[in-house]
Amino acid sequence: MFGFFREPMQNPVFPQPHPGAEVREAEAASKWKFLIFNDFLLGDAILLLIETAIFLIQKIYMDLVMWYL
């Protein structure tokens, strides 16, 4: 009757992580955050890719417009 309130069973297919896994995941996430947000070269490369994509889309669009006129 009160089975809803009992502790959940250990899932054999997806076992619970090791108790120290959260600390390791947090350290790894902070390292990646440091690498992504503090690396100016990576930021410049991403901006350059975005600007290039926008330029190419505009150029293709204008070529299509001029072709139809």
C-alpha atoms as a PDB file:
ATOM      1  CA  MET A   1       0.000   0.000   0.000  1.00  0.00           C
ATOM      2  CA  PHE A   2       2.799   2.397   0.853  1.00  0.00           C
ATOM      3  CA  GLY A   3       5.160   1.168  -1.844  1.00  0.00           C
ATOM      4  CA  PHE A   4       5.169   4.618  -3.429  1.00  0.00           C
ATOM      5  CA  PHE A   5       7.107   6.063  -0.485  1.00  0.00           C
ATOM      6  CA  ARG A   6       9.884   3.487  -0.306  1.00  0.00           C
ATOM      7  CA  GLU A   7      13.400   4.049  -1.587  1.00  0.00           C
ATOM      8  CA  PRO A   8      13.879   3.435  -5.323  1.00  0.00           C
ATOM      9  CA  MET A   9      15.619   0.207  -6.251  1.00  0.00           C
ATOM     10  CA  GLN A  10      19.078   0.126  -7.765  1.00  0.00           C
ATOM     11  CA  ASN A  11      18.718  -0.061 -11.536  1.00  0.00           C
ATOM     12  CA  PRO A  12      21.015  -2.834 -12.873  1.00  0.00           C
ATOM     13  CA  VAL A  13      21.019  -1.357 -16.395  1.00  0.00           C
ATOM     14  CA  PHE A  14      21.936   2.187 -15.328  1.00  0.00           C
ATOM     15  CA  PRO A  15      23.829   1.867 -12.030  1.00  0.00           C
ATOM     16  CA  GLN A  16      24.331   4.880  -9.814  1.00  0.00           C
ATOM     17  CA  PRO A  17      27.682   6.653 -10.313  1.00  0.00           C
ATOM     18  CA  HIS A  18      30.505   6.473  -7.827  1.00  0.00           C
ATOM     19  CA  PRO A  19      30.092   8.943  -4.918  1.00  0.00           C
ATOM     20  CA  GLY A  20      33.118  10.944  -6.075  1.00  0.00           C
ATOM     21  CA  ALA A  21      31.906  11.172  -9.661  1.00  0.00           C
ATOM     22  CA  GLU A  22      30.116  14.485  -9.088  1.00  0.00           C
ATOM     23  CA  VAL A  23      33.359  16.111  -7.958  1.00  0.00           C
ATOM     24  CA  ARG A  24      35.252  14.791 -10.985  1.00  0.00           C
ATOM     25  CA  GLU A  25      32.470  15.887 -13.342  1.00  0.00           C
ATOM     26  CA  ALA A  26      32.453  19.369 -11.802  1.00  0.00           C
ATOM     27  CA  GLU A  27      36.233  19.653 -12.181  1.00  0.00           C
ATOM     28  CA  ALA A  28      36.057  18.510 -15.801  1.00  0.00           C
ATOM     29  CA  ALA A  29      33.228  20.949 -16.533  1.00  0.00           C
ATOM     30  CA  SER A  30      35.154  23.836 -14.974  1.00  0.00           C
ATOM     31  CA  LYS A  31      38.223  22.930 -17.064  1.00  0.00           C
ATOM     32  CA  TRP A  32      36.170  22.904 -20.267  1.00  0.00           C
ATOM     33  CA  LYS A  33      34.454  26.151 -19.291  1.00  0.00           C
ATOM     34  CA  PHE A  34      37.894  27.707 -18.719  1.00  0.00           C
ATOM     35  CA  LEU A  35      39.157  26.431 -22.063  1.00  0.00           C
ATOM     36  CA  ILE A  36      36.101  27.557 -24.019  1.00  0.00           C
ATOM     37  CA  PHE A  37      35.413  30.967 -22.487  1.00  0.00           C
ATOM     38  CA  ASN A  38      38.947  32.122 -21.734  1.00  0.00           C
ATOM     39  CA  ASP A  39      40.641  31.113 -24.975  1.00  0.00           C
ATOM     40  CA  PHE A  40      40.500  34.214 -27.157  1.00  0.00           C
ATOM     41  CA  LEU A  41      41.767  32.391 -30.235  1.00  0.00           C
ATOM     42  CA  LEU A  42      38.910  29.889 -30.046  1.00  0.00           C
ATOM     43  CA  GLY A  43      36.410  32.722 -29.612  1.00  0.00           C
ATOM     44  CA  ASP A  44      37.850  34.574 -32.597  1.00  0.00           C
ATOM     45  CA  ALA A  45      37.728  31.411 -34.689  1.00  0.00           C
ATOM     46  CA  ILE A  46      34.062  30.832 -33.807  1.00  0.00           C
ATOM     47  CA  LEU A  47      33.201  34.454 -34.634  1.00  0.00           C
ATOM     48  CA  LEU A  48      35.061  34.186 -37.928  1.00  0.00           C
ATOM     49  CA  LEU A  49      33.121  31.040 -38.838  1.00  0.00           C
ATOM     50  CA  ILE A  50      29.818  32.739 -38.007  1.00  0.00           C
ATOM     51  CA  GLU A  51      30.704  35.840 -40.017  1.00  0.00           C
ATOM     52  CA  THR A  52      31.828  33.715 -42.964  1.00  0.00           C
ATOM     53  CA  ALA A  53      28.589  31.735 -42.901  1.00  0.00           C
ATOM     54  CA  ILE A  54      26.512  34.936 -42.844  1.00  0.00           C
ATOM     55  CA  PHE A  55      28.552  36.406 -45.704  1.00  0.00           C
ATOM     56  CA  LEU A  56      28.165  33.279 -47.836  1.00  0.00           C
ATOM     57  CA  ILE A  57      24.412  33.114 -47.180  1.00  0.00           C
ATOM     58  CA  GLN A  58      24.052  36.781 -48.184  1.00  0.00           C
ATOM     59  CA  LYS A  59      26.154  36.258 -51.303  1.00  0.00           C
ATOM     60  CA  ILE A  60      24.180  33.198 -52.421  1.00  0.00           C
ATOM     61  CA  TYR A  61      20.907  35.012 -51.751  1.00  0.00           C
ATOM     62  CA  MET A  62      21.987  38.065 -53.779  1.00  0.00           C
ATOM     63  CA  ASP A  63      23.216  35.838 -56.617  1.00  0.00           C
ATOM     64  CA  LEU A  64      19.824  34.146 -56.717  1.00  0.00           C
ATOM     65  CA  VAL A  65      18.028  37.502 -56.657  1.00  0.00           C
ATOM     66  CA  MET A  66      20.173  38.868 -59.492  1.00  0.00           C
ATOM     67  CA  TRP A  67      19.703  35.653 -61.472  1.00  0.00           C
ATOM     68  CA  TYR A  68      15.922  35.948 -61.240  1.00  0.00           C
ATOM     69  CA  LEU A  69      15.883  39.658 -62.245  1.00  0.00           C
END
